[in-house]
Every structure is written in structure tokens, then in C-alpha cells.
Amino acid sequence: MPKNNLSRFIVYAVLIYFAVYYLLPLYVMLTTSVKSMDEIRGGNLLSFPMHITFAAWSKAWSSACTGVECTGLAPFFWNSVRLVVPAVLISTSMGAINGYILSKWRFPGSELVFAMLMYGLYIPFQVLLLPMAMTEGWMGIASSTTGLVFVHVVCGIASTTLFFRNFYVGIPDELINAARLDGAGFWRIFWRIVLPMSIPILMVTLIWQFTQIWNDFLFGLVFSAGGSQPITVGLNNLANTSTTVKEYNVDMAAAIIAALPTIFVYVAAGKYFVRGLSAGAVKG
């Protein structure tokens, strides 16, 4: 075998090995979720289901116990939808405007403001729990979806600002200056020139924020209660609710349901995420 072909074979073999290694848990989850409990008890963990059934999926969605209530993950799923949509849109919009100002409309002290925002990236979320809880109590939005949206917007502004600011630095200042000479103002330049050029970094930020907020457990656990709890909290409650029989197929189906939105986003828009990063999302 020629040397180049051997090297290529080794590279592909290693890549296939790691792909199988990382996809194996997903395979186990999928196959277990469509097996009956009798088949799970009597079969092999890696065996393909003999009789496919979606009863576990139905129960995980609509009737599994998540504490004292047995309403499944459906209410938690829609709570997450009501949380994610405004939180992602608001934090992304504010990051775009902040990045635009800090890169193209600099003012005395703008570098200090940017440095302070970046400092927010390194503050552990656990440190924010008490002051954020006090702030929400003072604002009257504690233990509500509105309060969760507020928390995620505040904690997401630093990263969204960083993404957009670093992208906008690559836009020539001459373009902005020419628009200003033609009489365009702050908002007209943003809407007509800057924003249409921001599609790559916009996709990166939307995907990033969606993933971070949908998968968050800490804030959902601390700042929500009752009817406002997101799906990550619901999944934890379902998995830890004591029953006479541990239904592994229901647990696996519930875990996949919780992960489906982020899987869909990356499958549908993953290529835009990579393009956005290569277009300047991480350059300084």
C-alpha cells in the first residue's frame, strides 16, 4: 500500500473510531427508548430492538411523573420555548448594538466599558445567584419566566457583545465614514449597512445563545418555580422521581426529547455556525 494511502487510511480509521465512540451513547439512548421494559431486562444494552414501540415516548411527553404531578415533559418543554425565544432575541439584539457602538462609534472610556463587559465572561454563575435573586425580588419578577429571561439576557450580553464587536472591527471604517458624510445617522448605518453584513456572526450568536439557554439547568433550578420551570428541571425531576419500577426507556425518551431542539438547530444550521466563526467571530 502506498505511503499516502496508508496515512489516509489511518486518519480515516481514527476519525471513524472517535465518531463511533461519541455516537454510541446516542445509539443506546435511541434503541432503549423504543424497547419495552421486558426486552430491556432480558436483552443486551447494545442489541437492536426486536419490537419497536413508542409507548415510552408518549409517556415521557404526556404522563410521566415529574414530582407530585404526572403531566410529562410537555409543560416544561413549552416553558423553555417561552423562555428561549425572547431571551435569545433580546440578548442577540443588545449584543449587536453594543458591538456596533464599541467598534464604530467609540467614545471616551469605550475600551474600559468593553473590558468591564469582558470581565463578566469570567465571573462564575454561582457568584451571581444571590445578587440576581435579590434584584429579581426587588423588581417583582422572581420565580417567573420573565425573571428567567432577565437572568439569561444579563448573563448573555458579555458573550454576544464580544462576538459582534470582534466581527465589526473587520468592517472598514472608511465605509462607515462615507455613509456619515452622505448624511446617514447611527441607526440608518446600522440597519442599511452593518446589519446586512452581519448574517454570519448573527447565526453564530443565535445558535450559541439558543444552546446555552435551552441547556441551562442552574438558573432554571434557582430562579423558577412551579409553572415556569424549563425542560432541564423537568427532566431532572422525571429521572429522580421514585416509582415502583425504574423505567429506563421513559428516561431515555425524555432525555432525547429534551435534546431534540439543540440537535435540530445544529443539524439545520451547523454549517452557518462554522462559516460565522471563520468569518471573524473569534478574531480580536
Protein backbone atom coordinates (compact mmCIF):
# COMPACT_ATOMS: atom_id res chain seq x y z
CA MET A 1 0.00 0.00 0.00
CA PRO A 2 1.46 3.43 -0.97
CA LYS A 3 2.55 5.64 1.88
CA ASN A 4 -0.05 8.34 1.15
CA ASN A 5 -2.87 5.80 1.05
CA LEU A 6 -1.69 4.26 4.32
CA SER A 7 -1.65 7.65 6.03
CA ARG A 8 -5.12 8.42 4.74
CA PHE A 9 -6.38 5.04 5.91
CA ILE A 10 -5.00 5.64 9.41
CA VAL A 11 -6.57 9.10 9.59
CA TYR A 12 -9.97 7.81 8.47
CA ALA A 13 -9.75 4.86 10.85
CA VAL A 14 -9.05 7.16 13.80
CA LEU A 15 -11.88 9.53 12.80
CA ILE A 16 -14.34 6.64 12.42
CA TYR A 17 -13.30 5.27 15.80
CA PHE A 18 -13.95 8.56 17.57
CA ALA A 19 -17.21 9.09 15.66
CA VAL A 20 -18.48 5.68 16.80
CA TYR A 21 -17.23 6.32 20.33
CA TYR A 22 -19.15 9.60 20.64
CA LEU A 23 -22.27 8.37 18.83
CA LEU A 24 -22.57 5.15 20.86
CA PRO A 25 -24.38 6.80 23.81
CA LEU A 26 -26.91 8.30 21.40
CA TYR A 27 -27.44 4.88 19.82
CA VAL A 28 -28.03 3.33 23.26
CA MET A 29 -30.49 6.09 24.15
CA LEU A 30 -32.43 5.69 20.90
CA THR A 31 -32.63 1.91 20.99
CA THR A 32 -33.51 1.80 24.69
CA SER A 33 -36.27 4.38 24.23
CA VAL A 34 -38.09 2.17 21.69
CA LYS A 35 -37.80 -1.08 23.66
CA SER A 36 -40.29 -2.45 26.15
CA MET A 37 -39.17 -2.94 29.74
CA ASP A 38 -39.34 -6.73 29.36
CA GLU A 39 -36.92 -6.55 26.42
CA ILE A 40 -34.59 -4.19 28.31
CA ARG A 41 -34.41 -6.55 31.28
CA GLY A 42 -33.80 -9.62 29.16
CA GLY A 43 -31.64 -8.20 26.38
CA ASN A 44 -28.23 -6.71 25.79
CA LEU A 45 -27.64 -2.98 26.20
CA LEU A 46 -26.33 -2.67 22.62
CA SER A 47 -28.82 -5.02 20.99
CA PHE A 48 -31.21 -3.68 18.38
CA PRO A 49 -34.88 -3.70 19.50
CA MET A 50 -36.84 -6.77 18.46
CA HIS A 51 -40.16 -4.95 18.63
CA ILE A 52 -40.13 -1.17 18.24
CA THR A 53 -42.64 0.69 20.40
CA PHE A 54 -43.09 4.41 21.04
CA ALA A 55 -45.08 3.97 24.24
CA ALA A 56 -42.15 5.29 26.29
CA TRP A 57 -42.03 8.46 24.14
CA SER A 58 -45.72 9.04 24.64
CA LYS A 59 -45.44 8.58 28.38
CA ALA A 60 -42.34 10.79 28.66
CA TRP A 61 -44.15 13.58 26.82
CA SER A 62 -47.58 13.49 28.42
CA SER A 63 -47.94 11.29 31.51
CA ALA A 64 -44.59 10.58 33.21
CA CYS A 65 -44.34 11.74 36.83
CA THR A 66 -42.09 14.75 37.42
CA GLY A 67 -42.61 15.01 41.15
CA VAL A 68 -46.13 15.16 42.55
CA GLU A 69 -47.64 15.77 39.11
CA CYS A 70 -47.74 13.26 36.26
CA THR A 71 -48.02 15.53 33.22
CA GLY A 72 -44.83 14.51 31.42
CA LEU A 73 -42.33 16.90 29.86
CA ALA A 74 -44.81 18.79 27.68
CA PRO A 75 -45.40 21.72 30.10
CA PHE A 76 -41.66 22.08 30.75
CA PHE A 77 -40.92 21.97 27.01
CA TRP A 78 -43.26 24.88 26.27
CA ASN A 79 -41.90 26.78 29.26
CA SER A 80 -38.45 26.52 27.66
CA VAL A 81 -39.82 27.74 24.34
CA ARG A 82 -41.39 30.77 26.02
CA LEU A 83 -38.05 31.39 27.76
CA VAL A 84 -35.65 30.83 24.88
CA VAL A 85 -37.31 32.91 22.15
CA PRO A 86 -37.32 36.31 23.91
CA ALA A 87 -34.05 35.69 25.77
CA VAL A 88 -32.17 34.82 22.57
CA LEU A 89 -33.65 37.69 20.55
CA ILE A 90 -33.08 40.33 23.24
CA SER A 91 -29.53 39.27 24.16
CA THR A 92 -28.53 38.99 20.49
CA SER A 93 -30.02 42.39 19.63
CA MET A 94 -28.30 44.08 22.56
CA GLY A 95 -25.01 42.38 21.71
CA ALA A 96 -25.24 43.61 18.10
CA ILE A 97 -25.89 47.21 19.18
CA ASN A 98 -23.16 47.10 21.84
CA GLY A 99 -20.66 45.66 19.37
CA TYR A 100 -21.59 48.31 16.80
CA ILE A 101 -21.07 51.14 19.28
CA LEU A 102 -17.82 49.77 20.74
CA SER A 103 -16.27 49.21 17.31
CA LYS A 104 -17.60 52.03 15.11
CA TRP A 105 -18.87 54.76 17.46
CA ARG A 106 -16.14 54.80 20.06
CA PHE A 107 -16.37 57.32 22.89
CA PRO A 108 -14.02 58.26 25.74
CA GLY A 109 -13.89 55.25 28.02
CA SER A 110 -15.32 52.80 25.47
CA GLU A 111 -12.34 50.48 25.87
CA LEU A 112 -12.91 50.45 29.64
CA VAL A 113 -16.58 49.60 29.10
CA PHE A 114 -15.60 46.76 26.78
CA ALA A 115 -13.05 45.47 29.31
CA MET A 116 -15.67 45.52 32.07
CA LEU A 117 -18.10 43.60 29.86
CA MET A 118 -15.42 41.04 29.12
CA TYR A 119 -14.80 40.68 32.83
CA GLY A 120 -18.34 39.37 33.04
CA LEU A 121 -17.28 36.34 30.99
CA TYR A 122 -15.03 35.14 33.80
CA ILE A 123 -17.44 35.51 36.72
CA PRO A 124 -18.73 32.08 37.84
CA PHE A 125 -22.51 31.91 37.58
CA GLN A 126 -22.70 30.64 41.15
CA VAL A 127 -21.41 34.01 42.36
CA LEU A 128 -24.36 35.74 40.69
CA LEU A 129 -27.12 33.68 42.28
CA LEU A 130 -27.65 35.70 45.46
CA PRO A 131 -27.39 39.24 43.98
CA MET A 132 -29.52 38.19 41.00
CA ALA A 133 -32.17 36.73 43.33
CA MET A 134 -32.23 39.97 45.33
CA THR A 135 -32.52 42.01 42.13
CA GLU A 136 -35.40 39.89 40.84
CA GLY A 137 -37.19 40.18 44.18
CA TRP A 138 -36.81 43.94 44.09
CA MET A 139 -38.16 44.03 40.52
CA GLY A 140 -41.05 41.70 41.37
CA ILE A 141 -40.21 39.07 38.73
CA ALA A 142 -38.84 36.30 40.96
CA SER A 143 -39.81 32.67 40.18
CA SER A 144 -41.28 33.58 36.79
CA THR A 145 -40.48 33.13 33.11
CA THR A 146 -39.88 36.87 32.88
CA GLY A 147 -37.30 36.60 35.64
CA LEU A 148 -35.53 33.75 33.83
CA VAL A 149 -35.47 35.77 30.61
CA PHE A 150 -33.94 38.68 32.53
CA VAL A 151 -31.22 36.47 34.02
CA HIS A 152 -30.23 34.95 30.68
CA VAL A 153 -30.20 38.33 28.92
CA VAL A 154 -27.96 39.86 31.58
CA CYS A 155 -25.58 36.88 31.59
CA GLY A 156 -25.52 36.64 27.80
CA ILE A 157 -24.72 40.26 26.95
CA ALA A 158 -20.98 39.85 27.57
CA SER A 159 -20.55 37.00 25.07
CA THR A 160 -22.87 38.44 22.42
CA THR A 161 -21.10 41.81 22.64
CA LEU A 162 -17.74 40.09 22.23
CA PHE A 163 -18.91 38.21 19.13
CA PHE A 164 -20.35 41.25 17.36
CA ARG A 165 -17.63 43.70 18.41
CA ASN A 166 -14.87 41.43 17.08
CA PHE A 167 -16.78 40.92 13.84
CA TYR A 168 -17.50 44.61 13.32
CA VAL A 169 -13.84 45.51 13.83
CA GLY A 170 -13.25 43.86 10.45
CA ILE A 171 -15.66 46.23 8.66
CA PRO A 172 -13.63 49.11 7.14
CA ASP A 173 -14.07 52.40 8.98
CA GLU A 174 -14.00 54.13 5.60
CA LEU A 175 -17.35 52.54 4.78
CA ILE A 176 -18.94 53.95 7.93
CA ASN A 177 -17.32 57.36 7.44
CA ALA A 178 -18.54 57.54 3.84
CA ALA A 179 -22.09 56.81 4.99
CA ARG A 180 -21.85 59.53 7.62
CA LEU A 181 -20.64 62.02 5.01
CA ASP A 182 -23.69 61.14 2.92
CA GLY A 183 -25.91 62.09 5.86
CA ALA A 184 -26.67 58.67 7.30
CA GLY A 185 -27.05 58.57 11.05
CA PHE A 186 -26.43 55.99 13.74
CA TRP A 187 -29.49 53.82 13.14
CA ARG A 188 -29.58 54.13 9.35
CA ILE A 189 -25.96 52.96 9.07
CA PHE A 190 -26.73 50.08 11.41
CA TRP A 191 -29.87 48.91 9.60
CA ARG A 192 -28.82 49.56 6.00
CA ILE A 193 -25.07 48.78 6.05
CA VAL A 194 -23.84 46.99 9.15
CA LEU A 195 -26.69 44.58 9.88
CA PRO A 196 -26.93 43.13 6.33
CA MET A 197 -23.21 42.31 6.59
CA SER A 198 -23.73 40.59 9.95
CA ILE A 199 -25.53 37.42 8.82
CA PRO A 200 -22.57 35.07 9.59
CA ILE A 201 -22.00 36.37 13.11
CA LEU A 202 -25.75 36.67 13.67
CA MET A 203 -26.12 32.93 13.02
CA VAL A 204 -23.22 32.15 15.37
CA THR A 205 -24.73 34.22 18.16
CA LEU A 206 -28.26 32.88 17.73
CA ILE A 207 -27.05 29.27 17.81
CA TRP A 208 -24.72 29.94 20.74
CA GLN A 209 -27.37 31.66 22.83
CA PHE A 210 -30.07 29.14 21.97
CA THR A 211 -27.83 26.26 23.05
CA GLN A 212 -26.68 27.95 26.25
CA ILE A 213 -30.17 28.94 27.36
CA TRP A 214 -32.00 25.76 26.35
CA ASN A 215 -29.45 23.52 28.10
CA ASP A 216 -29.16 25.65 31.24
CA PHE A 217 -30.05 23.88 34.48
CA LEU A 218 -28.60 26.06 37.24
CA PHE A 219 -30.63 29.21 36.58
CA GLY A 220 -33.72 27.18 35.75
CA LEU A 221 -33.48 25.40 39.09
CA VAL A 222 -32.78 28.50 41.18
CA PHE A 223 -34.91 31.18 39.53
CA SER A 224 -38.05 29.27 38.53
CA ALA A 225 -40.86 27.55 40.37
CA GLY A 226 -43.99 25.63 39.56
CA GLY A 227 -45.33 26.55 36.15
CA SER A 228 -42.21 28.37 34.95
CA GLN A 229 -39.63 25.58 35.24
CA PRO A 230 -37.73 24.79 32.00
CA ILE A 231 -37.28 21.38 30.45
CA THR A 232 -33.90 20.69 32.07
CA VAL A 233 -35.51 20.93 35.50
CA GLY A 234 -38.41 18.78 34.33
CA LEU A 235 -36.00 16.14 33.02
CA ASN A 236 -34.16 16.10 36.35
CA ASN A 237 -37.45 15.74 38.23
CA LEU A 238 -38.56 12.91 35.97
CA ALA A 239 -35.30 10.99 36.34
CA ASN A 240 -35.29 11.35 40.13
CA THR A 241 -38.95 10.69 40.83
CA SER A 242 -39.25 7.46 42.82
CA THR A 243 -41.54 4.82 41.34
CA THR A 244 -42.03 1.13 41.96
CA VAL A 245 -40.25 0.29 38.68
CA LYS A 246 -37.40 2.23 37.12
CA GLU A 247 -38.46 2.79 33.51
CA TYR A 248 -35.21 3.26 31.61
CA ASN A 249 -36.99 3.54 28.27
CA VAL A 250 -39.03 6.51 29.52
CA ASP A 251 -35.90 8.19 30.93
CA MET A 252 -34.07 7.77 27.63
CA ALA A 253 -37.02 9.04 25.60
CA ALA A 254 -37.29 12.06 27.90
CA ALA A 255 -33.58 12.83 27.53
CA ILE A 256 -33.85 12.73 23.73
CA ILE A 257 -36.95 14.95 23.76
CA ALA A 258 -35.04 17.50 25.85
CA ALA A 259 -32.09 17.39 23.44
CA LEU A 260 -34.03 17.38 20.14
CA PRO A 261 -34.24 21.19 19.67
CA THR A 262 -30.49 21.70 20.03
CA ILE A 263 -29.76 18.68 17.82
CA PHE A 264 -32.10 20.09 15.17
CA VAL A 265 -30.51 23.54 15.35
CA TYR A 266 -27.00 22.16 14.86
CA VAL A 267 -28.04 19.80 12.07
CA ALA A 268 -30.00 22.51 10.24
CA ALA A 269 -27.69 25.46 10.85
CA GLY A 270 -24.35 23.95 11.84
CA LYS A 271 -22.68 24.95 8.57
CA TYR A 272 -23.63 28.58 9.21
CA PHE A 273 -22.08 28.36 12.66
CA VAL A 274 -18.75 27.23 11.18
CA ARG A 275 -18.92 29.89 8.45
CA GLY A 276 -19.63 32.57 11.02
CA LEU A 277 -16.68 31.58 13.17
CA SER A 278 -14.35 31.57 10.18
CA ALA A 279 -15.73 34.97 9.10
CA GLY A 280 -14.39 36.65 12.21
CA ALA A 281 -16.32 35.63 15.31
CA VAL A 282 -13.17 34.83 17.24
CA LYS A 283 -10.68 37.33 15.91
CA GLY A 284 -9.52 40.11 18.17
